[in-house]
Structure formats: structure tokens, C-alpha cells
Amino acid sequence: MVNKKKPAEKWPVLSGDYALGDPESAVAVITLGSHMDDVPVKAGSAISGSLHTENLGIEKVVTKIVSNLNIRFLVVCGAEVQGHNTGNSIKALRENGVDPTDEMRVIGAEGAVTYLENVTEEGVRRFQDQVEIVDLMDVEDPDVIQSKIEECLISDTGLRRRKVIQAYEEEK
């Protein structure tokens, strides 16, 4: 049995368009521009929702993930949001982080407005350390997504961190 911990009080800590599953699950799912109802949650994810913007949307994803230490995998699936490139941007954030000297711009992201003004540097580092991106961009097949979620759950090794941090700053 892997070690689990209760997420932050009132998790998920920010509002948004998402479905909730088991908060002790190791998997979160973003469906980019696609709507998949509760398919990911029924497959075992902690939370699932679309991601339409490469700034505020990513800030909310980061905050929800780092406030739940159980989440180890972020499945990125569905159709890319044209013009915003949210899938590319979240992958670039995980891989490269942000440039704090350039208004917290996501390094290597292709989106037009990839500034994370309301997330702390510590929050970004925690996100990078905490989750592995599972790239299923452009995949909308529920069976493929369910299978990948189940695969992640099987490979869950449990907590790596013991303390929840506050990654979100009030809007500047």
C-alpha cells in the first residue's frame, strides 16, 4: 500500500470547470480543448477538467496539483487549443520552468500569453518535481485515456513530499 495524505483543506483550492474523483488518486487529467465529461474521474483520476488558457488556466492547474501531494501524474489529452497552445505550454512548464526575470514567462512555451503572474516560483518548482506529464495530446478515445490512467495508478509509488505549500498569490 502506497503512502497517501489528505490534500489541502477545501481542495481543490480554486474554482474552475472540473470534475472531482478520489482525492487520494495519483492522477490528474487535463483535457485541453476537449470535453470528456466524467470519463477520467470514472477511470480513477483525482480531478479532470479542460484547459483553455495558457496563463490563468495553467496557474489553476499548478495550484490544484501542488495542493494535493498524492497527484504524481498529469495526463494531458484532448485537442490542443488553437492560438493558446495550452498543451504545449503545460509541457514546457514542466520541462523548463519559468523565467522570474521576465514576468514568470514559461520558458519554451508557444502560447501568446504564457505569463504565470499569480503562481510562486516555489509552486512552479514543486509542480516540476511532483508530477510526470503523460502526453496524450490529440487523443480523445476514452478507452485509451482510461487505460493510461489505470497504468499510472498501478505505477504510483506514493508521496515524495510531506508538506503542502501555497503556490497561488492573489492577483497582482
Protein backbone atom coordinates (compact mmCIF):
# COMPACT_ATOMS: atom_id res chain seq x y z
CA MET A 1 0.00 0.00 0.00
CA VAL A 2 1.46 3.36 -1.02
CA ASN A 3 1.62 6.26 1.42
CA LYS A 4 -1.20 8.82 0.93
CA LYS A 5 -2.05 12.13 2.55
CA LYS A 6 -5.15 14.28 2.71
CA PRO A 7 -4.96 17.18 0.25
CA ALA A 8 -5.05 20.81 1.39
CA GLU A 9 -8.16 21.89 3.24
CA LYS A 10 -11.02 22.68 0.85
CA TRP A 11 -9.17 21.04 -2.05
CA PRO A 12 -9.30 21.93 -4.88
CA VAL A 13 -8.41 25.34 -3.55
CA LEU A 14 -9.51 27.38 -6.58
CA SER A 15 -12.74 27.41 -8.56
CA GLY A 16 -12.92 26.16 -12.12
CA ASP A 17 -14.58 23.83 -14.60
CA TYR A 18 -13.64 20.35 -13.43
CA ALA A 19 -14.95 17.02 -12.15
CA LEU A 20 -13.70 15.56 -8.88
CA GLY A 21 -12.84 11.95 -8.17
CA ASP A 22 -10.85 10.30 -5.40
CA PRO A 23 -8.60 12.98 -3.80
CA GLU A 24 -6.09 10.26 -2.91
CA SER A 25 -5.63 9.28 -6.56
CA ALA A 26 -2.20 9.79 -8.10
CA VAL A 27 -3.62 11.08 -11.39
CA ALA A 28 -4.94 14.44 -12.58
CA VAL A 29 -6.22 14.89 -16.13
CA ILE A 30 -6.46 17.97 -18.32
CA THR A 31 -8.48 17.57 -21.49
CA LEU A 32 -7.25 20.75 -23.19
CA GLY A 33 -10.00 21.93 -25.58
CA SER A 34 -11.99 18.70 -25.47
CA HIS A 35 -14.86 17.87 -23.15
CA MET A 36 -14.86 14.32 -21.84
CA ASP A 37 -17.48 14.61 -19.12
CA ASP A 38 -16.51 12.35 -16.23
CA VAL A 39 -14.61 9.67 -18.20
CA PRO A 40 -11.25 10.40 -16.48
CA VAL A 41 -12.82 10.54 -13.00
CA LYS A 42 -14.63 7.25 -13.54
CA ALA A 43 -11.28 5.77 -14.60
CA GLY A 44 -9.74 6.79 -11.28
CA SER A 45 -8.37 10.33 -11.56
CA ALA A 46 -8.48 12.76 -8.64
CA ILE A 47 -9.59 15.64 -10.83
CA SER A 48 -10.28 16.27 -14.51
CA GLY A 49 -11.03 19.39 -16.50
CA SER A 50 -10.39 21.32 -19.66
CA LEU A 51 -7.55 23.84 -20.05
CA HIS A 52 -8.30 26.74 -22.37
CA THR A 53 -5.80 29.44 -21.39
CA GLU A 54 -2.04 29.33 -21.12
CA ASN A 55 -1.89 31.76 -18.20
CA LEU A 56 -4.75 31.74 -15.66
CA GLY A 57 -5.74 28.19 -16.61
CA ILE A 58 -2.23 26.85 -16.04
CA GLU A 59 -1.98 28.78 -12.78
CA LYS A 60 -5.09 26.96 -11.55
CA VAL A 61 -3.77 23.57 -12.68
CA VAL A 62 -0.46 24.12 -10.88
CA THR A 63 -2.21 25.27 -7.71
CA LYS A 64 -4.61 22.33 -7.64
CA ILE A 65 -1.80 19.84 -8.17
CA VAL A 66 0.66 21.17 -5.60
CA SER A 67 -2.11 21.42 -3.01
CA ASN A 68 -2.67 17.67 -3.32
CA LEU A 69 0.56 15.76 -2.70
CA ASN A 70 -0.99 12.48 -3.86
CA ILE A 71 -1.03 13.62 -7.50
CA ARG A 72 2.05 12.22 -9.27
CA PHE A 73 0.86 12.09 -12.89
CA LEU A 74 -0.74 14.74 -15.11
CA VAL A 75 -2.39 13.22 -18.16
CA VAL A 76 -2.58 15.83 -20.93
CA CYS A 77 -5.13 14.70 -23.51
CA GLY A 78 -7.66 16.06 -25.97
CA ALA A 79 -7.44 18.60 -28.76
CA GLU A 80 -4.91 21.43 -28.46
CA VAL A 81 -6.48 24.87 -28.03
CA GLN A 82 -5.55 26.75 -31.18
CA GLY A 83 -3.80 30.07 -30.56
CA HIS A 84 -3.34 29.37 -26.86
CA ASN A 85 -1.30 26.17 -27.19
CA THR A 86 -2.17 25.12 -23.65
CA GLY A 87 -0.87 21.57 -24.05
CA ASN A 88 2.48 22.78 -25.33
CA SER A 89 2.61 25.38 -22.56
CA ILE A 90 1.94 22.98 -19.67
CA LYS A 91 4.54 20.57 -21.04
CA ALA A 92 7.07 23.42 -21.40
CA LEU A 93 6.36 24.50 -17.83
CA ARG A 94 7.06 21.01 -16.50
CA GLU A 95 10.21 20.66 -18.62
CA ASN A 96 11.69 24.18 -18.44
CA GLY A 97 10.00 26.15 -15.66
CA VAL A 98 9.61 29.92 -15.73
CA ASP A 99 11.86 32.93 -16.12
CA PRO A 100 11.35 35.04 -12.98
CA THR A 101 13.23 37.94 -14.61
CA ASP A 102 10.67 38.02 -17.47
CA GLU A 103 7.39 38.26 -15.54
CA MET A 104 7.31 34.49 -14.87
CA ARG A 105 7.11 33.61 -18.59
CA VAL A 106 7.02 29.87 -19.26
CA ILE A 107 10.34 29.04 -20.90
CA GLY A 108 9.92 27.44 -24.33
CA ALA A 109 6.12 27.76 -24.47
CA GLU A 110 4.49 28.62 -27.78
CA GLY A 111 1.37 30.30 -26.37
CA ALA A 112 0.88 34.04 -26.79
CA VAL A 113 0.39 34.90 -23.11
CA THR A 114 2.45 32.41 -21.12
CA TYR A 115 2.97 34.53 -18.03
CA LEU A 116 2.18 32.96 -14.64
CA GLU A 117 1.85 36.09 -12.56
CA ASN A 118 -0.12 34.51 -9.69
CA VAL A 119 1.99 31.42 -9.04
CA THR A 120 5.09 31.47 -6.87
CA GLU A 121 8.47 30.22 -8.05
CA GLU A 122 8.30 27.64 -5.27
CA GLY A 123 4.94 26.49 -6.63
CA VAL A 124 6.41 26.03 -10.12
CA ARG A 125 9.39 24.08 -8.77
CA ARG A 126 7.09 21.86 -6.72
CA PHE A 127 4.92 21.22 -9.80
CA GLN A 128 8.01 20.25 -11.79
CA ASP A 129 9.21 17.91 -9.07
CA GLN A 130 5.85 16.44 -8.14
CA VAL A 131 4.31 15.37 -11.44
CA GLU A 132 5.22 13.44 -14.52
CA ILE A 133 3.46 14.57 -17.70
CA VAL A 134 1.72 11.78 -19.59
CA ASP A 135 1.41 13.12 -23.13
CA LEU A 136 -1.78 12.04 -24.86
CA MET A 137 -2.28 15.29 -26.78
CA ASP A 138 -4.84 14.94 -29.56
CA VAL A 139 -6.11 11.67 -28.06
CA GLU A 140 -9.85 11.72 -27.35
CA ASP A 141 -10.53 7.98 -27.29
CA PRO A 142 -11.97 7.23 -23.81
CA ASP A 143 -10.57 3.68 -23.82
CA VAL A 144 -7.01 4.89 -24.49
CA ILE A 145 -7.29 7.56 -21.79
CA GLN A 146 -8.80 5.14 -19.27
CA SER A 147 -6.06 2.61 -19.96
CA LYS A 148 -3.33 5.22 -19.43
CA ILE A 149 -4.91 6.40 -16.15
CA GLU A 150 -5.05 2.81 -14.92
CA GLU A 151 -1.40 2.32 -15.92
CA CYS A 152 -0.42 5.41 -13.91
CA LEU A 153 -2.34 4.20 -10.87
CA ILE A 154 -0.55 0.87 -10.99
CA SER A 155 2.86 2.57 -11.14
CA ASP A 156 2.12 5.01 -8.28
CA THR A 157 4.93 4.91 -5.72
CA GLY A 158 3.25 7.25 -3.25
CA LEU A 159 4.20 10.56 -1.72
CA ARG A 160 7.52 12.27 -2.39
CA ARG A 161 6.77 15.36 -0.32
CA ARG A 162 5.17 15.70 3.09
CA LYS A 163 4.16 19.37 3.20
CA VAL A 164 1.52 21.20 1.17
CA ILE A 165 2.60 24.66 0.03
CA GLN A 166 0.61 27.68 -1.05
CA ALA A 167 1.54 28.22 -4.67
CA TYR A 168 -1.03 30.83 -5.60
CA GLU A 169 -0.69 34.53 -4.89
CA GLU A 170 -3.61 36.90 -5.00
CA GLU A 171 -3.84 38.55 -8.41
CA LYS A 172 -1.37 41.38 -8.78
